[in-house]
PDB file of N, CA and C in Angstrom:
ATOM      1  N   MET A   1       1.225  -1.091  -0.147  1.00  0.00           N
ATOM      2  CA  MET A   1      -0.450   0.175   0.339  1.00  0.00           C
ATOM      3  C   MET A   1       1.192   1.469   0.225  1.00  0.00           C
ATOM      4  N   THR A   2       0.559   2.192  -0.777  1.00  0.00           N
ATOM      5  CA  THR A   2       1.234   3.835  -1.152  1.00  0.00           C
ATOM      6  C   THR A   2       0.575   4.911   0.100  1.00  0.00           C
ATOM      7  N   TYR A   3       1.197   5.228   0.938  1.00  0.00           N
ATOM      8  CA  TYR A   3       0.395   6.428   1.737  1.00  0.00           C
ATOM      9  C   TYR A   3       1.134   7.485   1.029  1.00  0.00           C
ATOM     10  N   SER A   4       0.333   8.487   1.661  1.00  0.00           N
ATOM     11  CA  SER A   4       0.545   9.812   1.376  1.00  0.00           C
ATOM     12  C   SER A   4       1.392  10.022   2.695  1.00  0.00           C
ATOM     13  N   LEU A   5       2.374  11.667   2.208  1.00  0.00           N
ATOM     14  CA  LEU A   5       3.385  12.368   3.461  1.00  0.00           C
ATOM     15  C   LEU A   5       2.668  13.184   3.670  1.00  0.00           C
ATOM     16  N   VAL A   6       2.784  13.024   5.220  1.00  0.00           N
ATOM     17  CA  VAL A   6       2.437  14.782   5.628  1.00  0.00           C
ATOM     18  C   VAL A   6       3.714  15.635   6.944  1.00  0.00           C
ATOM     19  N   LEU A   7       3.957  15.956   6.799  1.00  0.00           N
ATOM     20  CA  LEU A   7       4.508  16.576   7.687  1.00  0.00           C
ATOM     21  C   LEU A   7       4.006  17.739   8.689  1.00  0.00           C
ATOM     22  N   LYS A   8       3.954  17.469   9.730  1.00  0.00           N
ATOM     23  CA  LYS A   8       3.509  18.396  10.562  1.00  0.00           C
ATOM     24  C   LYS A   8       4.527  19.539  10.754  1.00  0.00           C
ATOM     25  N   PRO A   9       4.071  20.527  11.015  1.00  0.00           N
ATOM     26  CA  PRO A   9       5.111  22.181  10.716  1.00  0.00           C
ATOM     27  C   PRO A   9       6.211  21.820  12.058  1.00  0.00           C
ATOM     28  N   ARG A  10       5.910  21.139  12.945  1.00  0.00           N
ATOM     29  CA  ARG A  10       6.921  21.022  13.916  1.00  0.00           C
ATOM     30  C   ARG A  10       8.438  20.141  13.482  1.00  0.00           C
ATOM     31  N   ALA A  11       7.892  19.003  13.081  1.00  0.00           N
ATOM     32  CA  ALA A  11       8.663  17.982  12.065  1.00  0.00           C
ATOM     33  C   ALA A  11       9.473  18.560  11.269  1.00  0.00           C
ATOM     34  N   GLU A  12       8.887  19.708  10.380  1.00  0.00           N
ATOM     35  CA  GLU A  12       9.694  20.604   9.875  1.00  0.00           C
ATOM     36  C   GLU A  12      11.010  21.346   9.929  1.00  0.00           C
ATOM     37  N   LYS A  13      10.610  22.089  11.065  1.00  0.00           N
ATOM     38  CA  LYS A  13      11.328  22.728  12.145  1.00  0.00           C
ATOM     39  C   LYS A  13      11.957  22.089  13.126  1.00  0.00           C
ATOM     40  N   ASP A  14      12.295  20.507  13.020  1.00  0.00           N
ATOM     41  CA  ASP A  14      12.527  19.481  14.013  1.00  0.00           C
ATOM     42  C   ASP A  14      13.985  19.760  13.109  1.00  0.00           C
ATOM     43  N   LEU A  15      13.514  19.204  11.482  1.00  0.00           N
ATOM     44  CA  LEU A  15      14.240  19.219  10.017  1.00  0.00           C
ATOM     45  C   LEU A  15      15.375  19.670  10.057  1.00  0.00           C
ATOM     46  N   ARG A  16      14.643  20.862  10.354  1.00  0.00           N
ATOM     47  CA  ARG A  16      15.584  22.142   9.733  1.00  0.00           C
ATOM     48  C   ARG A  16      16.561  22.902  10.841  1.00  0.00           C
ATOM     49  N   GLY A  17      16.779  22.340  11.607  1.00  0.00           N
ATOM     50  CA  GLY A  17      17.366  22.340  12.934  1.00  0.00           C
ATOM     51  C   GLY A  17      18.991  21.171  12.697  1.00  0.00           C
ATOM     52  N   LEU A  18      18.670  20.166  12.162  1.00  0.00           N
ATOM     53  CA  LEU A  18      19.774  19.529  11.852  1.00  0.00           C
ATOM     54  C   LEU A  18      20.973  19.220  10.698  1.00  0.00           C
ATOM     55  N   PRO A  19      22.229  19.177  11.110  1.00  0.00           N
ATOM     56  CA  PRO A  19      22.783  19.332   9.738  1.00  0.00           C
ATOM     57  C   PRO A  19      22.625  18.538   8.671  1.00  0.00           C
ATOM     58  N   PRO A  20      22.958  19.046   7.821  1.00  0.00           N
ATOM     59  CA  PRO A  20      22.639  19.267   6.514  1.00  0.00           C
ATOM     60  C   PRO A  20      22.578  17.612   6.002  1.00  0.00           C
ATOM     61  N   ALA A  21      23.868  16.953   6.592  1.00  0.00           N
ATOM     62  CA  ALA A  21      24.269  15.711   6.076  1.00  0.00           C
ATOM     63  C   ALA A  21      23.190  14.861   6.805  1.00  0.00           C
ATOM     64  N   VAL A  22      22.914  14.424   8.193  1.00  0.00           N
ATOM     65  CA  VAL A  22      21.196  14.286   8.770  1.00  0.00           C
ATOM     66  C   VAL A  22      20.239  14.539   7.834  1.00  0.00           C
ATOM     67  N   GLN A  23      20.059  15.586   7.511  1.00  0.00           N
ATOM     68  CA  GLN A  23      18.596  16.360   7.189  1.00  0.00           C
ATOM     69  C   GLN A  23      18.256  15.443   5.515  1.00  0.00           C
ATOM     70  N   GLN A  24      19.291  15.099   4.769  1.00  0.00           N
ATOM     71  CA  GLN A  24      19.279  14.706   3.895  1.00  0.00           C
ATOM     72  C   GLN A  24      18.860  13.357   3.572  1.00  0.00           C
ATOM     73  N   ARG A  25      19.657  12.654   4.865  1.00  0.00           N
ATOM     74  CA  ARG A  25      19.622  11.110   5.212  1.00  0.00           C
ATOM     75  C   ARG A  25      18.062  11.136   5.816  1.00  0.00           C
ATOM     76  N   LEU A  26      17.966  12.058   6.760  1.00  0.00           N
ATOM     77  CA  LEU A  26      16.143  11.486   7.459  1.00  0.00           C
ATOM     78  C   LEU A  26      15.375  11.283   6.841  1.00  0.00           C
ATOM     79  N   ALA A  27      15.533  12.716   5.282  1.00  0.00           N
ATOM     80  CA  ALA A  27      14.675  12.957   4.649  1.00  0.00           C
ATOM     81  C   ALA A  27      14.135  11.766   3.781  1.00  0.00           C
ATOM     82  N   GLU A  28      15.839  11.112   3.080  1.00  0.00           N
ATOM     83  CA  GLU A  28      15.258  10.193   2.606  1.00  0.00           C
ATOM     84  C   GLU A  28      14.721   9.717   3.441  1.00  0.00           C
ATOM     85  N   ARG A  29      15.109   8.277   4.291  1.00  0.00           N
ATOM     86  CA  ARG A  29      14.384   7.987   4.815  1.00  0.00           C
ATOM     87  C   ARG A  29      12.912   7.633   5.157  1.00  0.00           C
ATOM     88  N   VAL A  30      12.514   9.175   5.868  1.00  0.00           N
ATOM     89  CA  VAL A  30      10.950   9.584   5.208  1.00  0.00           C
ATOM     90  C   VAL A  30      10.313   9.122   4.149  1.00  0.00           C
ATOM     91  N   ARG A  31      10.448   9.450   3.099  1.00  0.00           N
ATOM     92  CA  ARG A  31      10.277   9.499   2.239  1.00  0.00           C
ATOM     93  C   ARG A  31       9.812   7.786   1.715  1.00  0.00           C
ATOM     94  N   PHE A  32      10.793   6.740   2.342  1.00  0.00           N
ATOM     95  CA  PHE A  32      10.205   5.092   2.506  1.00  0.00           C
ATOM     96  C   PHE A  32       9.203   4.434   3.128  1.00  0.00           C
ATOM     97  N   LEU A  33       8.767   6.133   4.080  1.00  0.00           N
ATOM     98  CA  LEU A  33       7.470   5.535   4.749  1.00  0.00           C
ATOM     99  C   LEU A  33       6.726   5.404   4.245  1.00  0.00           C
ATOM    100  N   ARG A  34       7.115   6.137   3.023  1.00  0.00           N
ATOM    101  CA  ARG A  34       5.613   6.317   1.918  1.00  0.00           C
ATOM    102  C   ARG A  34       4.980   4.572   1.581  1.00  0.00           C
ATOM    103  N   GLU A  35       5.960   3.891   1.084  1.00  0.00           N
ATOM    104  CA  GLU A  35       5.877   2.466   0.581  1.00  0.00           C
ATOM    105  C   GLU A  35       6.227   1.641   1.521  1.00  0.00           C
ATOM    106  N   ASP A  36       5.195   0.840   2.149  1.00  0.00           N
ATOM    107  CA  ASP A  36       4.548  -0.182   3.108  1.00  0.00           C
ATOM    108  C   ASP A  36       5.533  -0.222   4.546  1.00  0.00           C
ATOM    109  N   LEU A  37       5.456   1.355   4.817  1.00  0.00           N
ATOM    110  CA  LEU A  37       6.164   1.347   6.011  1.00  0.00           C
ATOM    111  C   LEU A  37       7.647   1.052   6.334  1.00  0.00           C
ATOM    112  N   GLN A  38       8.593   0.986   5.150  1.00  0.00           N
ATOM    113  CA  GLN A  38      10.076   0.105   5.448  1.00  0.00           C
ATOM    114  C   GLN A  38      10.425   0.896   6.261  1.00  0.00           C
ATOM    115  N   GLY A  39      11.387   0.044   6.498  1.00  0.00           N
ATOM    116  CA  GLY A  39      12.694   0.792   7.769  1.00  0.00           C
ATOM    117  C   GLY A  39      12.557   0.311   8.688  1.00  0.00           C
ATOM    118  N   ASP A  40      13.098   0.417   9.688  1.00  0.00           N
ATOM    119  CA  ASP A  40      12.829   0.761  11.062  1.00  0.00           C
ATOM    120  C   ASP A  40      12.453   0.716  11.608  1.00  0.00           C
ATOM    121  N   VAL A  41      11.339   0.309  11.234  1.00  0.00           N
ATOM    122  CA  VAL A  41       9.700   0.836  12.074  1.00  0.00           C
ATOM    123  C   VAL A  41       9.751  -0.050  13.269  1.00  0.00           C
ATOM    124  N   LYS A  42       9.058   0.249  14.600  1.00  0.00           N
ATOM    125  CA  LYS A  42       8.179   0.383  15.517  1.00  0.00           C
ATOM    126  C   LYS A  42       7.241   0.111  16.300  1.00  0.00           C
ATOM    127  N   ARG A  43       6.453  -0.094  15.903  1.00  0.00           N
ATOM    128  CA  ARG A  43       4.928  -0.341  16.508  1.00  0.00           C
ATOM    129  C   ARG A  43       5.124   0.735  18.754  1.00  0.00           C
ATOM    130  N   LEU A  44       4.921   1.679  19.031  1.00  0.00           N
ATOM    131  CA  LEU A  44       5.355   1.756  20.305  1.00  0.00           C
ATOM    132  C   LEU A  44       4.343   1.707  21.231  1.00  0.00           C
ATOM    133  N   THR A  45       4.561   1.253  22.795  1.00  0.00           N
ATOM    134  CA  THR A  45       3.304   1.067  23.602  1.00  0.00           C
ATOM    135  C   THR A  45       3.139   2.146  24.780  1.00  0.00           C
ATOM    136  N   HIS A  46       1.850   2.991  24.642  1.00  0.00           N
ATOM    137  CA  HIS A  46       2.005   3.500  25.667  1.00  0.00           C
ATOM    138  C   HIS A  46       1.795   4.754  25.566  1.00  0.00           C
ATOM    139  N   PHE A  47       2.510   5.020  23.715  1.00  0.00           N
ATOM    140  CA  PHE A  47       2.872   6.066  23.704  1.00  0.00           C
ATOM    141  C   PHE A  47       2.811   6.924  22.228  1.00  0.00           C
ATOM    142  N   THR A  48       2.164   8.347  22.379  1.00  0.00           N
ATOM    143  CA  THR A  48       1.916   8.850  20.812  1.00  0.00           C
ATOM    144  C   THR A  48       2.627  10.166  20.286  1.00  0.00           C
ATOM    145  N   PRO A  49       3.013   9.898  19.650  1.00  0.00           N
ATOM    146  CA  PRO A  49       2.291   9.062  18.897  1.00  0.00           C
ATOM    147  C   PRO A  49       2.427   7.783  18.271  1.00  0.00           C
ATOM    148  N   SER A  50       2.139   6.556  17.220  1.00  0.00           N
ATOM    149  CA  SER A  50       2.220   4.747  18.136  1.00  0.00           C
ATOM    150  C   SER A  50       3.257   4.478  17.110  1.00  0.00           C
ATOM    151  N   TYR A  51       4.086   5.066  16.378  1.00  0.00           N
ATOM    152  CA  TYR A  51       4.972   4.254  15.621  1.00  0.00           C
ATOM    153  C   TYR A  51       6.658   5.734  16.073  1.00  0.00           C
ATOM    154  N   ARG A  52       7.762   4.428  15.578  1.00  0.00           N
ATOM    155  CA  ARG A  52       8.891   5.314  15.721  1.00  0.00           C
ATOM    156  C   ARG A  52       9.238   5.061  14.262  1.00  0.00           C
ATOM    157  N   LEU A  53      10.084   5.563  13.549  1.00  0.00           N
ATOM    158  CA  LEU A  53      11.231   4.830  12.858  1.00  0.00           C
ATOM    159  C   LEU A  53      12.921   5.512  13.193  1.00  0.00           C
ATOM    160  N   ARG A  54      13.410   4.698  13.187  1.00  0.00           N
ATOM    161  CA  ARG A  54      15.250   4.298  14.040  1.00  0.00           C
ATOM    162  C   ARG A  54      15.851   5.207  12.722  1.00  0.00           C
ATOM    163  N   VAL A  55      16.326   5.900  12.526  1.00  0.00           N
ATOM    164  CA  VAL A  55      17.565   6.396  11.895  1.00  0.00           C
ATOM    165  C   VAL A  55      18.890   6.753  11.998  1.00  0.00           C
ATOM    166  N   GLY A  56      19.761   6.121  12.857  1.00  0.00           N
ATOM    167  CA  GLY A  56      21.045   5.944  13.134  1.00  0.00           C
ATOM    168  C   GLY A  56      20.878   6.590  14.737  1.00  0.00           C
ATOM    169  N   ASP A  57      21.151   8.060  15.112  1.00  0.00           N
ATOM    170  CA  ASP A  57      20.873   8.505  16.684  1.00  0.00           C
ATOM    171  C   ASP A  57      19.210   8.675  16.569  1.00  0.00           C
ATOM    172  N   TYR A  58      18.759   9.556  15.439  1.00  0.00           N
ATOM    173  CA  TYR A  58      17.111   9.670  15.324  1.00  0.00           C
ATOM    174  C   TYR A  58      15.900   9.052  15.238  1.00  0.00           C
ATOM    175  N   ARG A  59      15.395   9.893  16.344  1.00  0.00           N
ATOM    176  CA  ARG A  59      13.423   9.059  15.956  1.00  0.00           C
ATOM    177  C   ARG A  59      12.823   9.969  15.243  1.00  0.00           C
ATOM    178  N   VAL A  60      12.111   9.522  14.072  1.00  0.00           N
ATOM    179  CA  VAL A  60      10.496   9.707  13.243  1.00  0.00           C
ATOM    180  C   VAL A  60       9.656   9.017  13.937  1.00  0.00           C
ATOM    181  N   LEU A  61       8.663  10.284  14.581  1.00  0.00           N
ATOM    182  CA  LEU A  61       7.821   9.525  15.264  1.00  0.00           C
ATOM    183  C   LEU A  61       6.407  10.199  14.858  1.00  0.00           C
ATOM    184  N   PHE A  62       5.978   8.970  14.281  1.00  0.00           N
ATOM    185  CA  PHE A  62       4.475   9.681  13.032  1.00  0.00           C
ATOM    186  C   PHE A  62       3.581   8.713  13.622  1.00  0.00           C
ATOM    187  N   ASP A  63       2.499   8.523  13.153  1.00  0.00           N
ATOM    188  CA  ASP A  63       1.115   7.675  13.128  1.00  0.00           C
ATOM    189  C   ASP A  63       0.403   7.480  11.726  1.00  0.00           C
ATOM    190  N   VAL A  64       0.079   6.327  11.739  1.00  0.00           N
ATOM    191  CA  VAL A  64      -0.756   6.320  10.345  1.00  0.00           C
ATOM    192  C   VAL A  64      -2.402   6.596  10.324  1.00  0.00           C
ATOM    193  N   GLU A  65      -2.454   7.586   9.330  1.00  0.00           N
ATOM    194  CA  GLU A  65      -3.798   7.892  10.364  1.00  0.00           C
ATOM    195  C   GLU A  65      -4.451   7.700   8.386  1.00  0.00           C
ATOM    196  N   GLY A  66      -5.040   6.313   8.900  1.00  0.00           N
ATOM    197  CA  GLY A  66      -6.103   6.403   7.016  1.00  0.00           C
ATOM    198  C   GLY A  66      -4.798   5.809   5.938  1.00  0.00           C
ATOM    199  N   GLU A  67      -5.009   6.470   5.038  1.00  0.00           N
ATOM    200  CA  GLU A  67      -4.249   6.546   3.777  1.00  0.00           C
ATOM    201  C   GLU A  67      -2.964   7.303   4.150  1.00  0.00           C
ATOM    202  N   ALA A  68      -2.613   8.360   5.135  1.00  0.00           N
ATOM    203  CA  ALA A  68      -1.489   9.057   4.781  1.00  0.00           C
ATOM    204  C   ALA A  68      -0.814   8.753   6.858  1.00  0.00           C
ATOM    205  N   VAL A  69       0.590   8.670   6.359  1.00  0.00           N
ATOM    206  CA  VAL A  69       1.579   8.847   7.734  1.00  0.00           C
ATOM    207  C   VAL A  69       1.957  10.211   7.629  1.00  0.00           C
ATOM    208  N   VAL A  70       1.821  10.162   9.309  1.00  0.00           N
ATOM    209  CA  VAL A  70       1.420  12.151   9.696  1.00  0.00           C
ATOM    210  C   VAL A  70       2.727  11.706  10.464  1.00  0.00           C
ATOM    211  N   VAL A  71       4.292  12.415  10.019  1.00  0.00           N
ATOM    212  CA  VAL A  71       4.751  12.589  10.728  1.00  0.00           C
ATOM    213  C   VAL A  71       4.869  13.648  12.080  1.00  0.00           C
ATOM    214  N   TYR A  72       5.112  13.854  12.987  1.00  0.00           N
ATOM    215  CA  TYR A  72       4.812  14.628  14.438  1.00  0.00           C
ATOM    216  C   TYR A  72       6.662  15.360  14.526  1.00  0.00           C
ATOM    217  N   ARG A  73       7.287  14.883  14.659  1.00  0.00           N
ATOM    218  CA  ARG A  73       8.497  15.192  15.508  1.00  0.00           C
ATOM    219  C   ARG A  73       9.649  13.673  14.562  1.00  0.00           C
ATOM    220  N   ILE A  74      11.341  14.612  14.791  1.00  0.00           N
ATOM    221  CA  ILE A  74      12.413  14.249  14.777  1.00  0.00           C
ATOM    222  C   ILE A  74      13.164  14.697  15.336  1.00  0.00           C
ATOM    223  N   LEU A  75      13.546  13.898  16.146  1.00  0.00           N
ATOM    224  CA  LEU A  75      14.718  14.306  17.511  1.00  0.00           C
ATOM    225  C   LEU A  75      15.060  13.150  17.694  1.00  0.00           C
ATOM    226  N   HIS A  76      16.450  13.690  18.430  1.00  0.00           N
ATOM    227  CA  HIS A  76      18.008  12.438  18.831  1.00  0.00           C
ATOM    228  C   HIS A  76      17.131  11.815  19.983  1.00  0.00           C
ATOM    229  N   ARG A  77      17.610  10.458  19.716  1.00  0.00           N
ATOM    230  CA  ARG A  77      16.859   8.928  20.709  1.00  0.00           C
ATOM    231  C   ARG A  77      17.035   9.977  22.230  1.00  0.00           C
ATOM    232  N   ARG A  78      17.606  11.016  22.695  1.00  0.00           N
ATOM    233  CA  ARG A  78      17.888  11.246  23.776  1.00  0.00           C
ATOM    234  C   ARG A  78      16.865  11.914  24.285  1.00  0.00           C
ATOM    235  N   GLU A  79      15.996  12.510  23.390  1.00  0.00           N
ATOM    236  CA  GLU A  79      15.174  13.317  23.599  1.00  0.00           C
ATOM    237  C   GLU A  79      13.731  12.782  23.168  1.00  0.00           C
ATOM    238  N   ALA A  80      13.414  11.915  22.250  1.00  0.00           N
ATOM    239  CA  ALA A  80      12.861  11.245  21.531  1.00  0.00           C
ATOM    240  C   ALA A  80      11.464  11.052  22.420  1.00  0.00           C
ATOM    241  N   TYR A  81      12.018   9.918  23.623  1.00  0.00           N
ATOM    242  CA  TYR A  81      10.972   9.626  24.457  1.00  0.00           C
ATOM    243  C   TYR A  81      10.629  10.063  25.711  1.00  0.00           C
ATOM    244  N   ARG A  82      10.617  11.485  25.774  1.00  0.00           N
ATOM    245  CA  ARG A  82      10.521  11.834  27.222  1.00  0.00           C
ATOM    246  C   ARG A  82       9.125  12.723  27.129  1.00  0.00           C
TER     247      ARG A  82
END
């Protein structure tokens, strides 16, 4: 299944605050979420948003809403689950 990709304003701001090499790597991996949630995706328990994508030391926190993947935050792993 192919999903549409929606980045919330906070996720865009998180992405812009990172070094260019990390931005490129994260953007590339987030695009793969459109195709059947590929990558190191894990469903989180007792946490909102419901899913995370691991990209090195960074975590992409997102939910699947119908036919859309909504990315809420992109954070370093030490800050992602607080």
